[in-house]
Amino acid sequence: MSGNRRFRKLEYAVGAFAVLVSSIGVAFTVYSIGVLAFDIVDTVFWVLGLLGVCTALYALWFKRGRLFYLCWGLIMIALALSSAIYPLVHPLTIVGVLLVILVFIGFSAYRGRIR
């Protein structure tokens, strides 16, 4: 292996798989030692929350498919937040804010392509 090819570029699937497995491991640990009571709705938060943050950070870090990864990252974060705080905030409020943010991102990407 040559010296220039020592470090490969991080692909999304590798990072997403690592985040997914580690978030499931943390969820199993938290539920098994009794820190939180098991709730099936909270598992959506454990799985999609960290994966959404990973996807959004990937979109901001790498240039390939930035709009795609940013939109899906925000969708996963919104789903995770709506499952985590559903007793406090109505899920439609979070979906409404998400739609406004997605329209803003889409409009700014559209304006950037026209110029």
C-alpha atoms as a PDB file:
ATOM      1  CA  MET A   1       0.000   0.000   0.000  1.00  0.00           C
ATOM      2  CA  SER A   2       1.437   3.351  -0.942  1.00  0.00           C
ATOM      3  CA  GLY A   3       1.849   6.176   1.547  1.00  0.00           C
ATOM      4  CA  ASN A   4      -0.698   8.399  -0.181  1.00  0.00           C
ATOM      5  CA  ARG A   5      -3.462   5.780  -0.014  1.00  0.00           C
ATOM      6  CA  ARG A   6      -2.995   5.128   3.681  1.00  0.00           C
ATOM      7  CA  PHE A   7      -6.263   6.709   4.774  1.00  0.00           C
ATOM      8  CA  ARG A   8      -9.390   6.076   2.755  1.00  0.00           C
ATOM      9  CA  LYS A   9     -12.188   8.584   2.522  1.00  0.00           C
ATOM     10  CA  LEU A  10     -14.932   7.853   5.018  1.00  0.00           C
ATOM     11  CA  GLU A  11     -18.021   6.563   3.288  1.00  0.00           C
ATOM     12  CA  TYR A  12     -21.475   7.279   4.637  1.00  0.00           C
ATOM     13  CA  ALA A  13     -22.439   3.625   5.031  1.00  0.00           C
ATOM     14  CA  VAL A  14     -19.466   2.848   7.273  1.00  0.00           C
ATOM     15  CA  GLY A  15     -20.115   5.772   9.591  1.00  0.00           C
ATOM     16  CA  ALA A  16     -23.865   5.216   9.634  1.00  0.00           C
ATOM     17  CA  PHE A  17     -23.443   1.543  10.476  1.00  0.00           C
ATOM     18  CA  ALA A  18     -21.063   2.367  13.320  1.00  0.00           C
ATOM     19  CA  VAL A  19     -23.441   4.980  14.723  1.00  0.00           C
ATOM     20  CA  LEU A  20     -26.440   2.660  14.361  1.00  0.00           C
ATOM     21  CA  VAL A  21     -24.764  -0.259  16.150  1.00  0.00           C
ATOM     22  CA  SER A  22     -23.351   1.950  18.903  1.00  0.00           C
ATOM     23  CA  SER A  23     -26.712   3.665  19.515  1.00  0.00           C
ATOM     24  CA  ILE A  24     -28.450   0.310  19.787  1.00  0.00           C
ATOM     25  CA  GLY A  25     -25.717  -0.837  22.186  1.00  0.00           C
ATOM     26  CA  VAL A  26     -26.165   2.257  24.339  1.00  0.00           C
ATOM     27  CA  ALA A  27     -29.944   1.753  24.338  1.00  0.00           C
ATOM     28  CA  PHE A  28     -29.559  -1.886  25.435  1.00  0.00           C
ATOM     29  CA  THR A  29     -27.191  -0.819  28.209  1.00  0.00           C
ATOM     30  CA  VAL A  30     -29.424   1.996  29.445  1.00  0.00           C
ATOM     31  CA  TYR A  31     -32.508  -0.226  29.492  1.00  0.00           C
ATOM     32  CA  SER A  32     -30.763  -3.239  31.010  1.00  0.00           C
ATOM     33  CA  ILE A  33     -29.286  -1.420  34.014  1.00  0.00           C
ATOM     34  CA  GLY A  34     -32.569   0.369  34.671  1.00  0.00           C
ATOM     35  CA  VAL A  35     -31.610   3.974  33.969  1.00  0.00           C
ATOM     36  CA  LEU A  36     -34.770   4.362  31.866  1.00  0.00           C
ATOM     37  CA  ALA A  37     -37.921   2.296  31.730  1.00  0.00           C
ATOM     38  CA  PHE A  38     -38.371   0.566  28.380  1.00  0.00           C
ATOM     39  CA  ASP A  39     -40.742   2.319  26.015  1.00  0.00           C
ATOM     40  CA  ILE A  40     -41.056   1.209  22.395  1.00  0.00           C
ATOM     41  CA  VAL A  41     -41.509   4.812  21.230  1.00  0.00           C
ATOM     42  CA  ASP A  42     -38.163   5.758  22.750  1.00  0.00           C
ATOM     43  CA  THR A  43     -36.383   3.197  20.583  1.00  0.00           C
ATOM     44  CA  VAL A  44     -37.155   5.407  17.586  1.00  0.00           C
ATOM     45  CA  PHE A  45     -35.236   8.164  19.342  1.00  0.00           C
ATOM     46  CA  TRP A  46     -32.265   5.901  20.054  1.00  0.00           C
ATOM     47  CA  VAL A  47     -32.019   4.648  16.489  1.00  0.00           C
ATOM     48  CA  LEU A  48     -32.982   7.674  14.397  1.00  0.00           C
ATOM     49  CA  GLY A  49     -31.649  10.438  16.617  1.00  0.00           C
ATOM     50  CA  LEU A  50     -27.972   9.660  16.429  1.00  0.00           C
ATOM     51  CA  LEU A  51     -28.253   8.413  12.858  1.00  0.00           C
ATOM     52  CA  GLY A  52     -29.905  11.696  11.865  1.00  0.00           C
ATOM     53  CA  VAL A  53     -27.169  13.716  13.529  1.00  0.00           C
ATOM     54  CA  CYS A  54     -24.539  11.566  11.796  1.00  0.00           C
ATOM     55  CA  THR A  55     -26.267  12.078   8.436  1.00  0.00           C
ATOM     56  CA  ALA A  56     -26.556  15.847   8.888  1.00  0.00           C
ATOM     57  CA  LEU A  57     -22.907  16.112   9.921  1.00  0.00           C
ATOM     58  CA  TYR A  58     -21.899  14.023   6.921  1.00  0.00           C
ATOM     59  CA  ALA A  59     -23.820  16.443   4.699  1.00  0.00           C
ATOM     60  CA  LEU A  60     -22.027  19.416   6.190  1.00  0.00           C
ATOM     61  CA  TRP A  61     -18.598  17.769   6.084  1.00  0.00           C
ATOM     62  CA  PHE A  62     -18.577  16.235   2.588  1.00  0.00           C
ATOM     63  CA  LYS A  63     -19.699  17.903  -0.638  1.00  0.00           C
ATOM     64  CA  ARG A  64     -21.102  14.850  -2.424  1.00  0.00           C
ATOM     65  CA  GLY A  65     -24.907  14.736  -2.136  1.00  0.00           C
ATOM     66  CA  ARG A  66     -25.020  17.526   0.431  1.00  0.00           C
ATOM     67  CA  LEU A  67     -28.664  18.449  -0.090  1.00  0.00           C
ATOM     68  CA  PHE A  68     -29.815  14.821  -0.042  1.00  0.00           C
ATOM     69  CA  TYR A  69     -28.001  13.906   3.170  1.00  0.00           C
ATOM     70  CA  LEU A  70     -28.938  17.159   4.913  1.00  0.00           C
ATOM     71  CA  CYS A  71     -32.655  16.717   4.180  1.00  0.00           C
ATOM     72  CA  TRP A  72     -32.702  13.091   5.312  1.00  0.00           C
ATOM     73  CA  GLY A  73     -30.658  13.925   8.387  1.00  0.00           C
ATOM     74  CA  LEU A  74     -33.151  16.603   9.370  1.00  0.00           C
ATOM     75  CA  ILE A  75     -36.072  14.251   8.745  1.00  0.00           C
ATOM     76  CA  MET A  76     -34.515  11.602  11.006  1.00  0.00           C
ATOM     77  CA  ILE A  77     -33.756  14.182  13.698  1.00  0.00           C
ATOM     78  CA  ALA A  78     -37.353  15.452  13.558  1.00  0.00           C
ATOM     79  CA  LEU A  79     -38.740  11.931  13.866  1.00  0.00           C
ATOM     80  CA  ALA A  80     -36.437  11.243  16.791  1.00  0.00           C
ATOM     81  CA  LEU A  81     -37.406  14.478  18.538  1.00  0.00           C
ATOM     82  CA  SER A  82     -41.097  13.868  18.008  1.00  0.00           C
ATOM     83  CA  SER A  83     -40.792  10.418  19.590  1.00  0.00           C
ATOM     84  CA  ALA A  84     -38.651  11.681  22.466  1.00  0.00           C
ATOM     85  CA  ILE A  85     -40.712  14.700  23.483  1.00  0.00           C
ATOM     86  CA  TYR A  86     -44.214  13.691  22.380  1.00  0.00           C
ATOM     87  CA  PRO A  87     -45.663  14.218  25.895  1.00  0.00           C
ATOM     88  CA  LEU A  88     -44.464  17.848  25.868  1.00  0.00           C
ATOM     89  CA  VAL A  89     -44.766  18.997  22.245  1.00  0.00           C
ATOM     90  CA  HIS A  90     -47.284  17.815  19.696  1.00  0.00           C
ATOM     91  CA  PRO A  91     -45.546  15.860  16.890  1.00  0.00           C
ATOM     92  CA  LEU A  92     -47.277  17.963  14.223  1.00  0.00           C
ATOM     93  CA  THR A  93     -45.479  21.034  15.589  1.00  0.00           C
ATOM     94  CA  ILE A  94     -42.138  19.358  14.952  1.00  0.00           C
ATOM     95  CA  VAL A  95     -43.250  18.201  11.497  1.00  0.00           C
ATOM     96  CA  GLY A  96     -44.375  21.747  10.672  1.00  0.00           C
ATOM     97  CA  VAL A  97     -41.040  23.230  11.688  1.00  0.00           C
ATOM     98  CA  LEU A  98     -39.282  20.508   9.680  1.00  0.00           C
ATOM     99  CA  LEU A  99     -41.299  21.356   6.568  1.00  0.00           C
ATOM    100  CA  VAL A 100     -40.437  25.036   6.866  1.00  0.00           C
ATOM    101  CA  ILE A 101     -36.729  24.197   7.241  1.00  0.00           C
ATOM    102  CA  LEU A 102     -36.849  21.820   4.252  1.00  0.00           C
ATOM    103  CA  VAL A 103     -38.531  24.464   2.092  1.00  0.00           C
ATOM    104  CA  PHE A 104     -35.862  26.979   3.111  1.00  0.00           C
ATOM    105  CA  ILE A 105     -33.074  24.505   2.249  1.00  0.00           C
ATOM    106  CA  GLY A 106     -34.700  23.629  -1.063  1.00  0.00           C
ATOM    107  CA  PHE A 107     -35.226  27.264  -1.998  1.00  0.00           C
ATOM    108  CA  SER A 108     -31.650  28.196  -1.160  1.00  0.00           C
ATOM    109  CA  ALA A 109     -30.349  25.245  -3.198  1.00  0.00           C
ATOM    110  CA  TYR A 110     -32.587  26.265  -6.094  1.00  0.00           C
ATOM    111  CA  ARG A 111     -31.317  29.850  -5.974  1.00  0.00           C
ATOM    112  CA  GLY A 112     -27.742  28.597  -5.860  1.00  0.00           C
ATOM    113  CA  ARG A 113     -28.229  26.536  -9.027  1.00  0.00           C
ATOM    114  CA  ILE A 114     -29.810  29.410 -10.945  1.00  0.00           C
ATOM    115  CA  ARG A 115     -26.867  31.751 -10.343  1.00  0.00           C
END
